[in-house]
Amino acid sequence: MRSVVPILTVVVALFVIWYGAAVWLNSKWTLDQAGRAGEEVSFSELVADTWSQERPVLPAPHQVAAELWETTAMKKITSKRSLIFHGWITLSATLLGFVIGTGLGILLAVGIVHNRAMDMSVMPWAIASQTIPILAIAPMIIVVMNSMGIQGLVPKAIISAYLSFFPVVVGMVKGLRSPGAMQLDLLKTYNAGNTATFWKLRLPSSMPYLFTSLKVGIAASLVGAIVGELPTGAVRGLGARLLSGSYYGQTVQIWSALIAAAVLAASLVGIVGLIQRITLKRMGMAE
């Protein structure tokens, strides 16, 4: 109960601020309309109108909730107006990119830890790659892939992999290097080689670090998939919902897509966290 109260307090405070901001940002249109009609607007009428505008600057929470209900429960999942349909399109690219980025990140981390040349050469390039804004590199990837006749899921997955591999590299390198000198020396006294040391000591020790980086990577992968949908003028995916909402001034649609993306990201991070608890428990590690 004690842990629930602070969370509920923060949630209530956020809703109060959200509703207040909706009144403030949407009131200009209401007052302008009333001024043109030569009418006065009471505070209650102002609040009611700012919370029910068709195209508000900032939609009220209940408007976003109604849109979410309409585009999930009230639509078939095969409908192009269903957020579940668009969410699945984005999720597919997210998971594929996450798998590619995670695999590449782990391989690079193993090479960096066991090869000094890779540590001196690959790691700086991996760091430098993250200084390039994803909004700049995404259109380049899309254009190159299109010129090769590759469209749809794969280009978005590559962008997702680009964002997700770096946290995995950093976390895995830290984890593989986490065993202390005494532990490494102990294995040497047992005549263990690099391969045995990796499987018996370095890899198990890296698991907490790996899962922490995977939580960051899966969220970054989702961002990459959404960004990958923006430069293409896509008609499917959460990015497409954001695009169409911005084109037609449908701010409620934009916010519902944002909330759906946030829920999807939280769910993916939660799944990774659940796998982490199960894996570490079976390995006898305390979190």
Protein backbone atom coordinates (compact mmCIF):
# COMPACT_ATOMS: atom_id res chain seq x y z
CA MET A 1 0.00 0.00 0.00
CA ARG A 2 2.84 2.36 0.86
CA SER A 3 4.37 1.82 -2.60
CA VAL A 4 1.06 2.45 -4.36
CA VAL A 5 0.25 5.80 -2.74
CA PRO A 6 3.28 7.70 -4.14
CA ILE A 7 2.59 6.32 -7.63
CA LEU A 8 -1.08 7.33 -7.48
CA THR A 9 -0.10 10.76 -6.19
CA VAL A 10 2.21 11.33 -9.15
CA VAL A 11 -0.43 10.05 -11.61
CA VAL A 12 -3.12 12.33 -10.16
CA ALA A 13 -0.73 15.29 -10.25
CA LEU A 14 0.07 14.59 -13.91
CA PHE A 15 -3.61 14.45 -14.83
CA VAL A 16 -4.30 17.71 -12.99
CA ILE A 17 -1.44 19.42 -14.82
CA TRP A 18 -2.57 17.90 -18.13
CA TYR A 19 -6.16 19.12 -17.74
CA GLY A 20 -4.95 22.54 -16.65
CA ALA A 21 -2.59 22.79 -19.62
CA ALA A 22 -5.43 21.80 -21.96
CA VAL A 23 -7.55 24.70 -20.67
CA TRP A 24 -4.65 27.13 -21.02
CA LEU A 25 -3.55 26.08 -24.52
CA ASN A 26 -7.02 25.59 -26.00
CA SER A 27 -8.65 28.70 -24.51
CA LYS A 28 -7.35 31.04 -27.21
CA TRP A 29 -9.52 29.45 -29.89
CA THR A 30 -12.58 29.51 -27.61
CA LEU A 31 -12.08 33.15 -26.65
CA ASP A 32 -11.45 34.14 -30.28
CA GLN A 33 -14.69 32.49 -31.38
CA ALA A 34 -16.61 34.13 -28.55
CA GLY A 35 -15.10 37.53 -29.38
CA ARG A 36 -16.12 37.28 -33.01
CA ALA A 37 -19.67 36.40 -31.98
CA GLY A 38 -19.74 39.23 -29.44
CA GLU A 39 -20.44 36.84 -26.58
CA GLU A 40 -18.95 36.42 -23.13
CA VAL A 41 -17.76 33.03 -21.94
CA SER A 42 -18.00 31.95 -18.32
CA PHE A 43 -15.20 29.95 -16.74
CA SER A 44 -17.27 26.75 -16.70
CA GLU A 45 -18.14 27.17 -20.38
CA LEU A 46 -14.48 27.87 -21.17
CA VAL A 47 -13.36 24.71 -19.40
CA ALA A 48 -16.05 22.58 -21.05
CA ASP A 49 -15.18 23.86 -24.52
CA THR A 50 -11.41 23.49 -24.12
CA TRP A 51 -11.90 19.87 -23.05
CA SER A 52 -14.10 18.98 -26.03
CA GLN A 53 -12.63 20.70 -29.08
CA GLU A 54 -12.40 18.60 -32.23
CA ARG A 55 -8.86 19.71 -33.07
CA PRO A 56 -7.36 21.03 -29.84
CA VAL A 57 -3.81 22.22 -29.43
CA LEU A 58 -3.55 19.85 -26.48
CA PRO A 59 -6.27 17.19 -26.18
CA ALA A 60 -7.63 16.41 -22.73
CA PRO A 61 -6.86 12.98 -21.24
CA HIS A 62 -10.43 11.73 -21.68
CA GLN A 63 -10.29 12.63 -25.39
CA VAL A 64 -7.13 10.58 -25.83
CA ALA A 65 -8.66 7.72 -23.84
CA ALA A 66 -11.78 7.78 -26.03
CA GLU A 67 -9.63 7.72 -29.18
CA LEU A 68 -7.60 4.80 -27.81
CA TRP A 69 -10.78 2.88 -27.03
CA GLU A 70 -12.24 3.67 -30.44
CA THR A 71 -9.12 2.57 -32.34
CA THR A 72 -8.44 -0.59 -30.33
CA ALA A 73 -11.55 -2.21 -28.89
CA MET A 74 -14.01 -0.83 -31.46
CA LYS A 75 -12.01 -1.64 -34.59
CA LYS A 76 -11.08 -4.96 -36.17
CA ILE A 77 -7.38 -5.66 -35.81
CA THR A 78 -7.13 -5.90 -39.61
CA SER A 79 -8.54 -2.40 -40.04
CA LYS A 80 -6.11 0.32 -41.07
CA ARG A 81 -7.72 2.53 -38.41
CA SER A 82 -6.86 0.05 -35.67
CA LEU A 83 -3.93 0.94 -33.43
CA ILE A 84 -3.40 -2.77 -32.83
CA PHE A 85 -2.83 -3.23 -36.57
CA HIS A 86 -0.40 -0.32 -36.74
CA GLY A 87 1.26 -1.36 -33.49
CA TRP A 88 1.93 -4.85 -34.87
CA ILE A 89 3.58 -3.38 -37.97
CA THR A 90 5.90 -1.29 -35.81
CA LEU A 91 6.46 -4.14 -33.36
CA SER A 92 7.58 -6.47 -36.16
CA ALA A 93 10.32 -4.07 -37.26
CA THR A 94 11.22 -3.41 -33.62
CA LEU A 95 11.75 -7.07 -32.76
CA LEU A 96 13.70 -7.84 -35.92
CA GLY A 97 15.94 -4.81 -35.40
CA PHE A 98 16.36 -5.68 -31.72
CA VAL A 99 17.50 -9.21 -32.56
CA ILE A 100 19.96 -7.91 -35.17
CA GLY A 101 21.26 -5.16 -32.90
CA THR A 102 21.58 -7.46 -29.88
CA GLY A 103 23.41 -10.14 -31.85
CA LEU A 104 25.78 -7.61 -33.39
CA GLY A 105 26.32 -5.90 -30.03
CA ILE A 106 27.19 -9.15 -28.24
CA LEU A 107 29.60 -10.24 -30.98
CA LEU A 108 31.34 -6.86 -30.96
CA ALA A 109 31.56 -6.89 -27.16
CA VAL A 110 33.17 -10.35 -27.14
CA GLY A 111 35.67 -9.23 -29.77
CA ILE A 112 36.46 -6.01 -27.91
CA VAL A 113 37.10 -7.83 -24.63
CA HIS A 114 39.30 -10.55 -26.14
CA ASN A 115 41.13 -8.55 -28.80
CA ARG A 116 43.06 -5.40 -27.96
CA ALA A 117 43.13 -4.29 -31.60
CA MET A 118 39.32 -4.36 -31.72
CA ASP A 119 39.16 -2.55 -28.40
CA MET A 120 41.34 0.25 -29.77
CA SER A 121 39.67 0.43 -33.18
CA VAL A 122 36.04 -0.75 -33.04
CA MET A 123 34.97 0.80 -29.75
CA PRO A 124 35.77 4.41 -30.79
CA TRP A 125 33.86 3.89 -34.04
CA ALA A 126 30.90 2.45 -32.14
CA ILE A 127 30.87 5.54 -29.92
CA ALA A 128 31.27 7.88 -32.90
CA SER A 129 28.37 6.22 -34.70
CA GLN A 130 25.99 7.37 -31.98
CA THR A 131 26.84 11.03 -32.58
CA ILE A 132 25.02 10.92 -35.93
CA PRO A 133 21.38 11.99 -35.45
CA ILE A 134 18.99 9.19 -36.33
CA LEU A 135 16.76 11.65 -38.20
CA ALA A 136 19.70 12.32 -40.53
CA ILE A 137 20.76 8.74 -41.12
CA ALA A 138 17.28 7.18 -41.42
CA PRO A 139 16.45 8.73 -44.84
CA MET A 140 19.90 7.67 -46.11
CA ILE A 141 19.27 4.06 -45.10
CA ILE A 142 15.81 4.11 -46.66
CA VAL A 143 17.14 5.52 -49.96
CA VAL A 144 20.03 3.04 -50.14
CA MET A 145 17.75 0.11 -49.36
CA ASN A 146 15.18 1.25 -51.92
CA SER A 147 17.89 1.51 -54.58
CA MET A 148 18.71 -2.14 -53.85
CA GLY A 149 15.06 -3.11 -54.15
CA ILE A 150 14.67 -3.69 -50.41
CA GLN A 151 11.59 -2.09 -48.90
CA GLY A 152 9.16 -2.57 -46.04
CA LEU A 153 10.29 -4.28 -42.87
CA VAL A 154 14.05 -4.61 -43.41
CA PRO A 155 15.03 -0.91 -43.71
CA LYS A 156 13.10 -0.08 -40.53
CA ALA A 157 14.72 -3.05 -38.76
CA ILE A 158 18.18 -1.80 -39.75
CA ILE A 159 17.41 1.60 -38.24
CA SER A 160 16.18 -0.13 -35.09
CA ALA A 161 19.34 -2.22 -34.95
CA TYR A 162 21.44 0.93 -35.33
CA LEU A 163 19.92 2.39 -32.17
CA SER A 164 19.81 -0.80 -30.12
CA PHE A 165 23.27 -2.28 -30.69
CA PHE A 166 25.24 0.43 -28.85
CA PRO A 167 23.67 -0.04 -25.39
CA VAL A 168 24.24 -3.78 -25.75
CA VAL A 169 27.90 -3.27 -26.72
CA VAL A 170 28.58 -0.98 -23.76
CA GLY A 171 26.68 -3.13 -21.25
CA MET A 172 28.16 -6.39 -22.46
CA VAL A 173 31.73 -5.05 -22.46
CA LYS A 174 31.22 -3.85 -18.90
CA GLY A 175 29.77 -7.21 -17.90
CA LEU A 176 32.46 -9.33 -19.53
CA ARG A 177 35.10 -7.26 -17.76
CA SER A 178 33.32 -7.37 -14.38
CA PRO A 179 35.10 -10.48 -12.95
CA GLY A 180 37.84 -9.51 -10.56
CA ALA A 181 41.51 -10.40 -10.77
CA MET A 182 41.17 -13.02 -8.03
CA GLN A 183 38.43 -14.84 -9.93
CA LEU A 184 40.45 -14.81 -13.16
CA ASP A 185 43.57 -15.99 -11.34
CA LEU A 186 41.60 -18.83 -9.73
CA LEU A 187 40.57 -20.15 -13.14
CA LYS A 188 44.15 -19.88 -14.34
CA THR A 189 45.24 -22.13 -11.47
CA TYR A 190 42.77 -24.69 -12.83
CA ASN A 191 44.50 -24.36 -16.21
CA ALA A 192 41.38 -22.84 -17.81
CA GLY A 193 41.88 -21.26 -21.20
CA ASN A 194 40.14 -18.22 -22.66
CA THR A 195 37.20 -20.28 -23.93
CA ALA A 196 36.57 -21.95 -20.56
CA THR A 197 36.99 -18.62 -18.76
CA PHE A 198 34.46 -17.04 -21.09
CA TRP A 199 31.77 -19.69 -20.61
CA LYS A 200 32.37 -20.40 -16.93
CA LEU A 201 33.06 -16.90 -15.60
CA ARG A 202 32.80 -13.95 -17.98
CA LEU A 203 29.46 -14.80 -19.61
CA PRO A 204 27.58 -15.63 -16.38
CA SER A 205 28.99 -12.49 -14.73
CA SER A 206 27.80 -10.36 -17.65
CA MET A 207 24.13 -11.42 -17.45
CA PRO A 208 22.92 -8.61 -15.12
CA TYR A 209 24.70 -6.04 -17.27
CA LEU A 210 23.34 -7.58 -20.47
CA PHE A 211 19.73 -7.52 -19.34
CA THR A 212 20.06 -3.92 -18.15
CA SER A 213 21.34 -2.92 -21.57
CA LEU A 214 18.61 -4.98 -23.28
CA LYS A 215 15.96 -2.90 -21.52
CA VAL A 216 17.51 0.24 -22.97
CA GLY A 217 18.03 -1.43 -26.33
CA ILE A 218 14.45 -2.63 -26.78
CA ALA A 219 13.09 0.85 -26.09
CA ALA A 220 15.63 2.40 -28.48
CA SER A 221 14.70 -0.19 -31.08
CA LEU A 222 11.06 0.87 -30.93
CA VAL A 223 12.08 4.50 -31.40
CA GLY A 224 14.13 3.45 -34.41
CA ALA A 225 11.20 1.61 -35.98
CA ILE A 226 8.92 4.63 -35.57
CA VAL A 227 11.56 7.01 -36.94
CA GLY A 228 12.10 4.64 -39.87
CA GLU A 229 8.45 5.05 -40.83
CA LEU A 230 8.57 8.85 -40.94
CA PRO A 231 10.79 9.60 -44.00
CA THR A 232 8.98 7.09 -46.22
CA GLY A 233 5.50 8.52 -45.96
CA ALA A 234 4.41 5.14 -44.63
CA VAL A 235 0.73 4.28 -44.43
CA ARG A 236 1.16 1.53 -41.83
CA GLY A 237 2.68 1.62 -38.37
CA LEU A 238 2.58 3.97 -35.41
CA GLY A 239 4.86 6.36 -37.27
CA ALA A 240 2.29 6.48 -40.06
CA ARG A 241 -0.40 7.40 -37.54
CA LEU A 242 1.78 10.24 -36.29
CA LEU A 243 2.36 11.41 -39.86
CA SER A 244 -1.29 11.34 -40.90
CA GLY A 245 -2.30 13.07 -37.68
CA SER A 246 0.20 15.87 -38.28
CA TYR A 247 -0.86 16.25 -41.92
CA TYR A 248 -4.53 16.76 -41.05
CA GLY A 249 -4.13 18.48 -37.69
CA GLN A 250 -5.59 15.53 -35.78
CA THR A 251 -3.84 16.10 -32.47
CA VAL A 252 -6.01 13.55 -30.68
CA GLN A 253 -4.81 10.91 -33.14
CA ILE A 254 -1.20 11.98 -32.62
CA TRP A 255 -1.49 11.72 -28.84
CA SER A 256 -3.24 8.35 -29.00
CA ALA A 257 -0.42 6.99 -31.19
CA LEU A 258 2.15 8.40 -28.74
CA ILE A 259 0.40 6.78 -25.77
CA ALA A 260 0.16 3.49 -27.68
CA ALA A 261 3.90 3.64 -28.41
CA ALA A 262 4.64 4.36 -24.75
CA VAL A 263 2.49 1.43 -23.61
CA LEU A 264 4.17 -0.83 -26.16
CA ALA A 265 7.63 0.26 -25.00
CA ALA A 266 6.72 -0.28 -21.34
CA SER A 267 5.37 -3.74 -22.17
CA LEU A 268 8.53 -4.72 -24.03
CA VAL A 269 10.76 -3.49 -21.20
CA GLY A 270 8.55 -5.35 -18.72
CA ILE A 271 8.89 -8.58 -20.72
CA VAL A 272 12.68 -8.22 -20.77
CA GLY A 273 12.60 -7.58 -17.03
CA LEU A 274 10.53 -10.73 -16.47
CA ILE A 275 12.96 -12.81 -18.53
CA GLN A 276 15.78 -11.25 -16.51
CA ARG A 277 14.26 -12.30 -13.19
CA ILE A 278 13.60 -15.85 -14.39
CA THR A 279 17.06 -16.24 -15.93
CA LEU A 280 19.01 -14.82 -13.00
CA LYS A 281 16.97 -16.87 -10.55
CA ARG A 282 17.77 -20.07 -12.41
CA MET A 283 21.42 -19.09 -12.49
CA GLY A 284 21.35 -18.56 -8.73
CA MET A 285 22.04 -14.84 -8.95
CA ALA A 286 20.41 -12.35 -6.60
CA GLU A 287 19.17 -9.20 -8.35
